[in-house]
Amino acid sequence: MFGSLGLPELLIILFIVVLIFGANRLPGLARGIGSSVKNFKEGMKDGE
């Protein structure tokens, strides 16, 4: 599915994200995504 996704495509996606959310909100957005992934992994570990 993402096999042909290269550097130019990733840069375009990053540019669009910056346009939508603004450069000032990106660090907070990244922190929120990171903590969500961490909580999900901990939840999966607890479920086993």
PDB file of N, CA and C in Angstrom:
ATOM      1  N   MET A   1       0.821  -1.188   0.000  1.00  0.00           N
ATOM      2  CA  MET A   1       0.000   0.000   0.000  1.00  0.00           C
ATOM      3  C   MET A   1       0.871   1.260   0.000  1.00  0.00           C
ATOM      4  N   PHE A   2       1.851   1.326   0.911  1.00  0.00           N
ATOM      5  CA  PHE A   2       2.734   2.482   0.985  1.00  0.00           C
ATOM      6  C   PHE A   2       4.102   2.184   0.393  1.00  0.00           C
ATOM      7  N   GLY A   3       4.210   1.180  -0.452  1.00  0.00           N
ATOM      8  CA  GLY A   3       5.488   0.779  -0.999  1.00  0.00           C
ATOM      9  C   GLY A   3       6.130   1.833  -1.875  1.00  0.00           C
ATOM     10  N   SER A   4       5.324   2.624  -2.570  1.00  0.00           N
ATOM     11  CA  SER A   4       5.892   3.620  -3.473  1.00  0.00           C
ATOM     12  C   SER A   4       5.938   5.014  -2.856  1.00  0.00           C
ATOM     13  N   LEU A   5       5.821   5.102  -1.556  1.00  0.00           N
ATOM     14  CA  LEU A   5       5.852   6.392  -0.871  1.00  0.00           C
ATOM     15  C   LEU A   5       7.304   6.773  -0.610  1.00  0.00           C
ATOM     16  N   GLY A   6       7.785   7.776  -1.332  1.00  0.00           N
ATOM     17  CA  GLY A   6       9.179   8.179  -1.217  1.00  0.00           C
ATOM     18  C   GLY A   6       9.340   9.502  -0.504  1.00  0.00           C
ATOM     19  N   LEU A   7      10.551  10.025  -0.534  1.00  0.00           N
ATOM     20  CA  LEU A   7      10.867  11.279   0.141  1.00  0.00           C
ATOM     21  C   LEU A   7      10.063  12.466  -0.395  1.00  0.00           C
ATOM     22  N   PRO A   8       9.919  12.628  -1.700  1.00  0.00           N
ATOM     23  CA  PRO A   8       9.123  13.781  -2.175  1.00  0.00           C
ATOM     24  C   PRO A   8       7.674  13.742  -1.690  1.00  0.00           C
ATOM     25  N   GLU A   9       7.088  12.553  -1.664  1.00  0.00           N
ATOM     26  CA  GLU A   9       5.714  12.431  -1.196  1.00  0.00           C
ATOM     27  C   GLU A   9       5.601  12.754   0.283  1.00  0.00           C
ATOM     28  N   LEU A  10       6.577  12.279   1.072  1.00  0.00           N
ATOM     29  CA  LEU A  10       6.570  12.562   2.510  1.00  0.00           C
ATOM     30  C   LEU A  10       6.723  14.054   2.784  1.00  0.00           C
ATOM     31  N   LEU A  11       7.548  14.726   2.001  1.00  0.00           N
ATOM     32  CA  LEU A  11       7.719  16.177   2.169  1.00  0.00           C
ATOM     33  C   LEU A  11       6.429  16.923   1.839  1.00  0.00           C
ATOM     34  N   ILE A  12       5.718  16.474   0.823  1.00  0.00           N
ATOM     35  CA  ILE A  12       4.441  17.101   0.457  1.00  0.00           C
ATOM     36  C   ILE A  12       3.429  16.902   1.584  1.00  0.00           C
ATOM     37  N   ILE A  13       3.386  15.694   2.145  1.00  0.00           N
ATOM     38  CA  ILE A  13       2.465  15.422   3.248  1.00  0.00           C
ATOM     39  C   ILE A  13       2.818  16.289   4.457  1.00  0.00           C
ATOM     40  N   LEU A  14       4.096  16.407   4.781  1.00  0.00           N
ATOM     41  CA  LEU A  14       4.532  17.251   5.891  1.00  0.00           C
ATOM     42  C   LEU A  14       4.144  18.711   5.656  1.00  0.00           C
ATOM     43  N   PHE A  15       4.309  19.191   4.447  1.00  0.00           N
ATOM     44  CA  PHE A  15       3.942  20.563   4.105  1.00  0.00           C
ATOM     45  C   PHE A  15       2.444  20.796   4.308  1.00  0.00           C
ATOM     46  N   ILE A  16       1.629  19.840   3.890  1.00  0.00           N
ATOM     47  CA  ILE A  16       0.179  19.963   4.048  1.00  0.00           C
ATOM     48  C   ILE A  16      -0.196  19.968   5.528  1.00  0.00           C
ATOM     49  N   VAL A  17       0.455  19.118   6.321  1.00  0.00           N
ATOM     50  CA  VAL A  17       0.176  19.079   7.761  1.00  0.00           C
ATOM     51  C   VAL A  17       0.537  20.412   8.410  1.00  0.00           C
ATOM     52  N   VAL A  18       1.664  20.990   8.019  1.00  0.00           N
ATOM     53  CA  VAL A  18       2.065  22.292   8.560  1.00  0.00           C
ATOM     54  C   VAL A  18       1.057  23.359   8.162  1.00  0.00           C
ATOM     55  N   LEU A  19       0.552  23.305   6.950  1.00  0.00           N
ATOM     56  CA  LEU A  19      -0.449  24.283   6.524  1.00  0.00           C
ATOM     57  C   LEU A  19      -1.741  24.136   7.324  1.00  0.00           C
ATOM     58  N   ILE A  20      -2.148  22.912   7.594  1.00  0.00           N
ATOM     59  CA  ILE A  20      -3.413  22.689   8.288  1.00  0.00           C
ATOM     60  C   ILE A  20      -3.307  23.063   9.769  1.00  0.00           C
ATOM     61  N   PHE A  21      -2.274  22.571  10.448  1.00  0.00           N
ATOM     62  CA  PHE A  21      -2.185  22.742  11.894  1.00  0.00           C
ATOM     63  C   PHE A  21      -1.351  23.943  12.309  1.00  0.00           C
ATOM     64  N   GLY A  22      -0.494  24.423  11.463  1.00  0.00           N
ATOM     65  CA  GLY A  22       0.377  25.533  11.830  1.00  0.00           C
ATOM     66  C   GLY A  22       1.634  25.030  12.515  1.00  0.00           C
ATOM     67  N   ALA A  23       2.730  25.715  12.314  1.00  0.00           N
ATOM     68  CA  ALA A  23       4.018  25.273  12.844  1.00  0.00           C
ATOM     69  C   ALA A  23       4.055  25.328  14.370  1.00  0.00           C
ATOM     70  N   ASN A  24       3.294  26.212  14.976  1.00  0.00           N
ATOM     71  CA  ASN A  24       3.319  26.346  16.431  1.00  0.00           C
ATOM     72  C   ASN A  24       2.625  25.180  17.135  1.00  0.00           C
ATOM     73  N   ARG A  25       1.659  24.547  16.485  1.00  0.00           N
ATOM     74  CA  ARG A  25       0.904  23.474  17.121  1.00  0.00           C
ATOM     75  C   ARG A  25       1.497  22.097  16.869  1.00  0.00           C
ATOM     76  N   LEU A  26       2.473  21.976  15.980  1.00  0.00           N
ATOM     77  CA  LEU A  26       3.035  20.667  15.648  1.00  0.00           C
ATOM     78  C   LEU A  26       3.712  19.957  16.825  1.00  0.00           C
ATOM     79  N   PRO A  27       4.503  20.618  17.657  1.00  0.00           N
ATOM     80  CA  PRO A  27       5.112  19.893  18.793  1.00  0.00           C
ATOM     81  C   PRO A  27       4.073  19.300  19.742  1.00  0.00           C
ATOM     82  N   GLY A  28       3.029  20.036  20.029  1.00  0.00           N
ATOM     83  CA  GLY A  28       1.974  19.515  20.899  1.00  0.00           C
ATOM     84  C   GLY A  28       1.237  18.360  20.247  1.00  0.00           C
ATOM     85  N   LEU A  29       1.014  18.458  18.955  1.00  0.00           N
ATOM     86  CA  LEU A  29       0.365  17.373  18.225  1.00  0.00           C
ATOM     87  C   LEU A  29       1.226  16.124  18.235  1.00  0.00           C
ATOM     88  N   ALA A  30       2.519  16.282  18.034  1.00  0.00           N
ATOM     89  CA  ALA A  30       3.435  15.138  18.055  1.00  0.00           C
ATOM     90  C   ALA A  30       3.489  14.504  19.446  1.00  0.00           C
ATOM     91  N   ARG A  31       3.488  15.328  20.490  1.00  0.00           N
ATOM     92  CA  ARG A  31       3.475  14.796  21.866  1.00  0.00           C
ATOM     93  C   ARG A  31       2.201  14.007  22.120  1.00  0.00           C
ATOM     94  N   GLY A  32       1.079  14.515  21.663  1.00  0.00           N
ATOM     95  CA  GLY A  32      -0.193  13.824  21.853  1.00  0.00           C
ATOM     96  C   GLY A  32      -0.229  12.489  21.135  1.00  0.00           C
ATOM     97  N   ILE A  33       0.283  12.455  19.920  1.00  0.00           N
ATOM     98  CA  ILE A  33       0.324  11.197  19.166  1.00  0.00           C
ATOM     99  C   ILE A  33       1.265  10.217  19.840  1.00  0.00           C
ATOM    100  N   GLY A  34       2.419  10.698  20.292  1.00  0.00           N
ATOM    101  CA  GLY A  34       3.382   9.823  20.962  1.00  0.00           C
ATOM    102  C   GLY A  34       2.826   9.226  22.242  1.00  0.00           C
ATOM    103  N   SER A  35       2.149  10.034  23.043  1.00  0.00           N
ATOM    104  CA  SER A  35       1.578   9.501  24.283  1.00  0.00           C
ATOM    105  C   SER A  35       0.431   8.547  23.990  1.00  0.00           C
ATOM    106  N   SER A  36      -0.313   8.788  22.927  1.00  0.00           N
ATOM    107  CA  SER A  36      -1.388   7.867  22.546  1.00  0.00           C
ATOM    108  C   SER A  36      -0.827   6.517  22.146  1.00  0.00           C
ATOM    109  N   VAL A  37       0.245   6.512  21.372  1.00  0.00           N
ATOM    110  CA  VAL A  37       0.875   5.260  20.960  1.00  0.00           C
ATOM    111  C   VAL A  37       1.436   4.525  22.178  1.00  0.00           C
ATOM    112  N   LYS A  38       2.051   5.272  23.084  1.00  0.00           N
ATOM    113  CA  LYS A  38       2.607   4.661  24.297  1.00  0.00           C
ATOM    114  C   LYS A  38       1.504   4.018  25.132  1.00  0.00           C
ATOM    115  N   ASN A  39       0.407   4.739  25.326  1.00  0.00           N
ATOM    116  CA  ASN A  39      -0.707   4.194  26.099  1.00  0.00           C
ATOM    117  C   ASN A  39      -1.316   2.977  25.413  1.00  0.00           C
ATOM    118  N   PHE A  40      -1.400   2.997  24.110  1.00  0.00           N
ATOM    119  CA  PHE A  40      -1.934   1.855  23.371  1.00  0.00           C
ATOM    120  C   PHE A  40      -1.053   0.636  23.553  1.00  0.00           C
ATOM    121  N   LYS A  41       0.270   0.812  23.453  1.00  0.00           N
ATOM    122  CA  LYS A  41       1.186  -0.309  23.631  1.00  0.00           C
ATOM    123  C   LYS A  41       1.111  -0.869  25.045  1.00  0.00           C
ATOM    124  N   GLU A  42       1.020   0.026  26.051  1.00  0.00           N
ATOM    125  CA  GLU A  42       0.900  -0.441  27.432  1.00  0.00           C
ATOM    126  C   GLU A  42      -0.416  -1.189  27.632  1.00  0.00           C
ATOM    127  N   GLY A  43      -1.467  -0.727  27.023  1.00  0.00           N
ATOM    128  CA  GLY A  43      -2.748  -1.406  27.116  1.00  0.00           C
ATOM    129  C   GLY A  43      -2.723  -2.772  26.465  1.00  0.00           C
ATOM    130  N   MET A  44      -2.027  -2.895  25.352  1.00  0.00           N
ATOM    131  CA  MET A  44      -1.928  -4.187  24.683  1.00  0.00           C
ATOM    132  C   MET A  44      -1.096  -5.156  25.526  1.00  0.00           C
ATOM    133  N   LYS A  45      -0.061  -4.635  26.200  1.00  0.00           N
ATOM    134  CA  LYS A  45       0.783  -5.479  27.031  1.00  0.00           C
ATOM    135  C   LYS A  45      -0.003  -5.965  28.259  1.00  0.00           C
ATOM    136  N   ASP A  46      -0.831  -5.082  28.838  1.00  0.00           N
ATOM    137  CA  ASP A  46      -1.625  -5.457  29.996  1.00  0.00           C
ATOM    138  C   ASP A  46      -2.693  -6.476  29.641  1.00  0.00           C
ATOM    139  N   GLY A  47      -3.172  -6.436  28.403  1.00  0.00           N
ATOM    140  CA  GLY A  47      -4.233  -7.345  27.966  1.00  0.00           C
ATOM    141  C   GLY A  47      -3.753  -8.779  27.774  1.00  0.00           C
ATOM    142  N   GLU A  48      -2.457  -8.990  27.642  1.00  0.00           N
ATOM    143  CA  GLU A  48      -1.952 -10.349  27.370  1.00  0.00           C
ATOM    144  C   GLU A  48      -1.856 -11.187  28.602  1.00  0.00           C
TER     145      GLU A  48
END
